Protein backbone atom coordinates (compact mmCIF):
# COMPACT_ATOMS: atom_id res chain seq x y z
CA UNK A 1 216.06 259.36 212.69
CA UNK A 2 215.19 262.79 214.06
CA UNK A 3 218.32 262.99 216.16
CA UNK A 4 220.52 262.16 213.18
CA UNK A 5 218.93 264.91 211.05
CA UNK A 6 219.26 267.44 213.82
CA UNK A 7 222.97 266.81 214.21
CA UNK A 8 223.67 267.23 210.48
CA UNK A 9 222.34 270.85 210.30
CA UNK A 10 224.76 272.92 212.43
CA UNK A 11 227.99 271.66 210.87
CA UNK A 12 226.72 272.65 207.38
CA UNK A 13 226.02 276.23 208.50
CA UNK A 14 229.42 276.48 210.10
CA UNK A 15 231.06 275.37 206.85
CA UNK A 16 229.17 278.02 204.88
CA UNK A 17 230.20 280.70 207.32
CA UNK A 18 233.83 279.69 207.14
CA UNK A 19 233.75 279.79 203.34
CA UNK A 20 232.18 283.26 203.42
CA UNK A 21 234.80 284.70 205.75
CA UNK A 22 237.62 283.09 203.76
CA UNK A 23 236.30 284.78 200.62
CA UNK A 24 236.18 288.14 202.41
CA UNK A 25 239.75 287.69 203.66
CA UNK A 26 240.91 286.83 200.16
CA UNK A 27 239.19 289.90 198.68
CA UNK A 28 240.78 292.13 201.29
CA UNK A 29 244.23 290.72 200.50
CA UNK A 30 243.79 291.23 196.75
CA UNK A 31 242.22 294.68 196.73
CA UNK A 32 243.63 296.33 199.84
CA UNK A 33 247.14 297.15 198.34
CA UNK A 34 245.58 298.81 195.31
CA UNK A 35 243.55 301.21 197.37
CA UNK A 36 246.42 301.80 199.75
CA UNK A 37 248.89 302.91 197.00
CA UNK A 38 246.45 304.76 194.68
CA UNK A 39 245.98 308.13 196.38
CA UNK A 40 243.70 310.92 195.19
CA UNK A 41 242.70 311.64 191.58
CA UNK A 42 244.27 313.40 188.59
CA UNK A 43 242.48 314.88 185.59
CA UNK A 44 243.73 316.84 182.59
CA UNK A 45 242.20 319.73 180.65
CA UNK A 46 243.10 317.83 177.45
CA UNK A 47 244.88 314.53 176.94
CA UNK A 48 245.84 315.53 173.37
CA UNK A 49 247.77 318.83 173.57
CA UNK A 50 248.94 320.53 170.38
CA UNK A 51 252.61 321.38 169.76
CA UNK A 52 253.53 325.06 169.76
CA UNK A 53 257.15 325.95 168.83
CA UNK A 54 258.46 322.55 169.97
CA UNK A 55 256.51 322.61 173.27
CA UNK A 56 253.47 321.04 174.77
CA UNK A 57 251.66 322.60 177.76
CA UNK A 58 250.02 320.18 180.21
CA UNK A 59 247.22 321.36 182.56
CA UNK A 60 246.29 319.19 185.56
CA UNK A 61 243.71 319.21 188.33
CA UNK A 62 245.10 317.17 191.21
CA UNK A 63 243.03 315.97 194.17
CA UNK A 64 245.33 314.88 196.96
CA UNK A 65 242.55 312.98 198.71
CA UNK A 66 243.05 314.97 201.90
CA UNK A 67 244.90 318.04 203.03
CA UNK A 68 248.63 317.38 202.67
CA UNK A 69 250.95 317.99 205.57
CA UNK A 70 253.13 320.37 203.52
CA UNK A 71 252.19 323.13 201.11
CA UNK A 72 254.42 321.82 198.28
CA UNK A 73 254.45 318.10 197.60
CA UNK A 74 257.34 316.76 195.38
CA UNK A 75 256.02 314.47 192.62
CA UNK A 76 257.50 312.61 189.69
CA UNK A 77 255.78 312.76 186.30
CA UNK A 78 256.94 309.69 184.37
CA UNK A 79 256.34 309.63 180.59
CA UNK A 80 256.81 306.23 178.88
CA UNK A 81 256.67 306.32 175.00
CA UNK A 82 254.50 303.60 173.52
CA UNK A 83 253.82 304.87 169.97
CA UNK A 84 255.94 307.11 167.72
CA UNK A 85 254.29 309.19 164.95
CA UNK A 86 256.79 308.93 162.11
CA UNK A 87 256.59 311.10 158.99
CA UNK A 88 258.50 309.55 156.09
CA UNK A 89 259.00 309.91 152.30
CA UNK A 90 258.69 306.67 150.36
CA UNK A 91 258.94 305.57 146.75
CA UNK A 92 255.14 305.55 146.60
CA UNK A 93 254.95 309.06 148.06
CA UNK A 94 258.22 310.85 147.29
CA UNK A 95 256.86 314.39 147.75
CA UNK A 96 254.26 314.20 150.50
CA UNK A 97 255.27 312.61 153.83
CA UNK A 98 253.22 309.66 155.10
CA UNK A 99 252.26 309.40 158.77
CA UNK A 100 253.04 305.95 160.28
CA UNK A 101 252.31 304.99 163.91
CA UNK A 102 255.25 302.85 165.07
CA UNK A 103 254.64 300.80 168.30
CA UNK A 104 257.47 301.00 170.85
CA UNK A 105 258.44 298.50 173.47
CA UNK A 106 260.87 298.66 176.35
CA UNK A 107 261.55 302.37 175.96
CA UNK A 108 263.06 304.25 178.94
CA UNK A 109 260.79 306.70 180.70
CA UNK A 110 261.30 310.45 180.67
CA UNK A 111 260.94 311.67 184.24
CA UNK A 112 260.10 315.27 185.23
CA UNK A 113 260.41 316.10 188.91
CA UNK A 114 257.98 318.85 190.07
CA UNK A 115 256.93 320.45 193.34
CA UNK A 116 253.13 320.67 193.29
CA UNK A 117 251.70 323.39 195.47
CA UNK A 118 248.47 322.96 197.43
CA UNK A 119 248.37 326.33 199.13
CA UNK A 120 247.41 329.89 198.19
CA UNK A 121 249.28 333.16 198.76
CA UNK A 122 248.10 333.31 202.38
CA UNK A 123 249.57 329.88 203.17
CA UNK A 124 246.24 328.08 203.49
CA UNK A 125 246.51 324.45 202.37
CA UNK A 126 243.87 322.76 200.18
CA UNK A 127 243.36 319.19 199.06
CA UNK A 128 242.76 320.20 195.38
CA UNK A 129 245.03 322.24 193.17
CA UNK A 130 245.47 323.23 189.53
CA UNK A 131 248.93 322.65 188.19
CA UNK A 132 250.55 323.06 184.73
CA UNK A 133 254.00 322.84 183.20
CA UNK A 134 255.65 322.60 179.77
CA UNK A 135 257.53 319.71 178.12
CA UNK A 136 259.89 320.32 175.18
CA UNK A 137 261.46 318.45 172.31
CA UNK A 138 265.00 319.19 173.56
CA UNK A 139 264.16 317.03 176.58
CA UNK A 140 263.54 314.03 174.30
CA UNK A 141 259.80 314.41 173.68
CA UNK A 142 258.38 313.72 170.23
CA UNK A 143 254.92 313.59 168.70
CA UNK A 144 253.31 310.29 169.69
CA UNK A 145 251.59 308.43 172.50
CA UNK A 146 252.79 308.11 176.11
CA UNK A 147 251.77 306.47 179.35
CA UNK A 148 251.85 309.11 182.06
CA UNK A 149 252.26 308.00 185.66
CA UNK A 150 252.36 310.43 188.59
CA UNK A 151 253.83 309.33 191.92
CA UNK A 152 254.69 311.05 195.21
CA UNK A 153 258.39 311.10 196.02
CA UNK A 154 257.98 310.79 199.79
CA UNK A 155 256.10 307.48 199.92
CA UNK A 156 255.97 306.31 196.26
CA UNK A 157 252.17 306.35 196.16
CA UNK A 158 250.62 306.82 192.72
CA UNK A 159 248.35 309.77 192.23
CA UNK A 160 245.25 308.73 190.33
CA UNK A 161 245.35 306.32 187.41
CA UNK A 162 247.87 306.01 184.57
CA UNK A 163 246.94 308.49 181.83
CA UNK A 164 247.17 307.85 178.06
CA UNK A 165 248.71 311.03 176.70
CA UNK A 166 248.87 311.94 172.97
CA UNK A 167 251.32 314.67 171.92
CA UNK A 168 250.20 316.11 168.59
CA UNK A 169 252.71 317.63 166.20
CA UNK A 170 254.95 317.10 163.19
CA UNK A 171 258.10 315.11 163.74
CA UNK A 172 261.10 315.56 161.45
CA UNK A 173 260.72 313.85 158.03
CA UNK A 174 262.59 310.56 157.48
CA UNK A 175 263.63 309.77 153.91
CA UNK A 176 262.98 306.09 153.20
CA UNK A 177 263.21 306.29 149.38
CA UNK A 178 265.47 303.95 147.50
CA UNK A 179 268.77 305.52 146.43
CA UNK A 180 269.16 305.67 142.63
CA UNK A 181 272.48 306.43 140.97
CA UNK A 182 271.45 307.64 137.49
CA UNK A 183 272.89 310.23 135.10
CA UNK A 184 276.12 310.67 137.02
CA UNK A 185 279.38 310.38 135.07
CA UNK A 186 281.91 308.13 136.69
CA UNK A 187 284.90 310.07 137.88
CA UNK A 188 288.40 309.16 136.68
CA UNK A 189 290.73 307.58 139.12
CA UNK A 190 293.83 309.55 140.10
CA UNK A 191 296.09 307.12 138.19
CA UNK A 192 294.08 307.51 134.99
CA UNK A 193 294.06 311.29 135.34
CA UNK A 194 297.89 311.34 135.76
CA UNK A 195 298.33 309.07 132.71
CA UNK A 196 296.15 311.35 130.58
CA UNK A 197 298.18 314.39 131.68
CA UNK A 198 301.49 312.65 130.80
CA UNK A 199 300.15 311.71 127.36
CA UNK A 200 299.01 315.25 126.71
CA UNK A 201 302.42 316.63 127.75
CA UNK A 202 304.23 314.19 125.39
CA UNK A 203 302.04 315.25 122.48
CA UNK A 204 302.78 318.89 123.19
CA UNK A 205 306.53 318.35 123.33
CA UNK A 206 306.53 316.24 120.11
CA UNK A 207 304.65 318.89 118.12
CA UNK A 208 307.05 321.69 119.11
CA UNK A 209 310.33 320.00 118.00
CA UNK A 210 310.09 320.56 114.15
CA UNK A 211 309.74 324.32 114.66
CA UNK A 212 313.53 324.91 114.77
CA UNK A 213 314.37 323.83 111.17
CA UNK A 214 311.52 325.95 109.80
CA UNK A 215 312.95 329.04 111.44
CA UNK A 216 316.42 328.28 109.92
CA UNK A 217 314.97 327.84 106.44
CA UNK A 218 313.03 331.07 106.76
CA UNK A 219 316.12 332.94 107.83
CA UNK A 220 318.11 331.55 104.89
CA UNK A 221 315.39 332.44 102.44
CA UNK A 222 315.03 336.01 103.61
CA UNK A 223 318.80 336.52 103.87
CA UNK A 224 318.62 337.77 107.41
CA UNK A 225 321.76 337.69 109.52
CA UNK A 226 321.63 335.04 112.23
CA UNK A 227 321.67 336.13 115.78
CA UNK A 228 325.26 334.98 116.28
CA UNK A 229 327.91 336.87 114.22
CA UNK A 230 330.12 334.76 111.88
CA UNK A 231 333.81 334.46 112.69
CA UNK A 232 336.05 337.33 111.52
CA UNK A 233 337.99 336.82 108.23
CA UNK A 234 341.39 338.46 107.76
CA UNK A 235 341.57 340.68 104.62
CA UNK A 236 343.63 339.43 101.66
CA UNK A 237 346.93 341.10 100.70
CA UNK A 238 346.48 343.73 98.05
CA UNK A 239 342.82 344.07 98.60
CA UNK A 240 340.76 346.99 97.54
CA UNK A 241 340.87 348.51 100.92
CA UNK A 242 337.24 347.71 101.59
CA UNK A 243 336.34 346.75 105.09
CA UNK A 244 334.85 343.31 105.48
CA UNK A 245 331.64 343.18 107.40
CA UNK A 246 332.19 342.06 110.89
CA UNK A 247 336.02 342.76 110.73
CA UNK A 248 337.40 344.88 113.54
CA UNK A 249 337.89 348.56 112.63
CA UNK A 250 341.54 349.75 112.69
CA UNK A 251 342.37 351.97 115.52
CA UNK A 252 343.58 355.60 115.13
CA UNK A 253 347.06 354.63 116.42
CA UNK A 254 347.64 352.15 113.59
CA UNK A 255 346.67 354.85 111.02
CA UNK A 256 349.08 357.36 112.54
CA UNK A 257 351.93 354.87 112.42
CA UNK A 258 351.29 354.14 108.74
CA UNK A 259 351.28 357.90 107.98
CA UNK A 260 354.65 358.45 109.72
CA UNK A 261 356.13 355.45 107.92
CA UNK A 262 355.01 356.87 104.60
CA UNK A 263 356.46 360.30 105.36
CA UNK A 264 359.82 358.74 106.34
CA UNK A 265 360.02 356.85 103.03
CA UNK A 266 359.33 360.04 101.02
CA UNK A 267 361.95 361.96 102.94
CA UNK A 268 364.53 359.21 102.39
CA UNK A 269 363.97 359.23 98.64
CA UNK A 270 364.35 362.98 98.39
CA UNK A 271 367.57 362.80 100.42
CA UNK A 272 368.93 360.07 98.12
CA UNK A 273 368.25 362.21 95.04
CA UNK A 274 369.87 365.29 96.37
């Protein structure tokens, strides 16, 4: 009995030790990559900067974790929009805009590439630096919430943890009121307008036609001479010698001929008597 109990002890201890080392190996496999790719730390003066003239200024304190090999380390600041602060006019609030936080999914990131300096004017390199830069609306930024991730370009290691950034400001107003067509007179179609113009022109022409007889009657009543002269009438034989109105006036040659003819007749009568 004693020998059987003695032989059961050591294998149990060995099994416990194996399980312990297996758990350690599993923990190393799970947690080692995270520590390997998360280098240094990053903090911000404020995670909710205010907008000034369409710009937001970001102030960072970056701890590299150790002294970098170069004075300026290229890094990528990746901003992923997750919430948009929309200002809109609605039927319930037609005058004052309402702020609505719209969740966003699958939005492309806005990347800003920067060279972060870890040295002073003398060229001495430090492991901690203060760094700031400005982001603007014309680069696609709007008031809302972003996930900010900073990585090194040389090895892809992430600097610190992902930061939740809130950009405060007033986005352009969106009009979401229902469109109401009231109090507007319907415009005439081109065909209807043309028809109305033709009708008006016909009325104008019809009203002006009877004017001609009225003018004729007025002229006859007043005894005025029409514009066109009447045809000339030949004087009757043995008339009174009056000149008819409108008849052509005899020329001086015709008068002279008549005078000579009369003188010849008188002379002939005197000659016959003598």
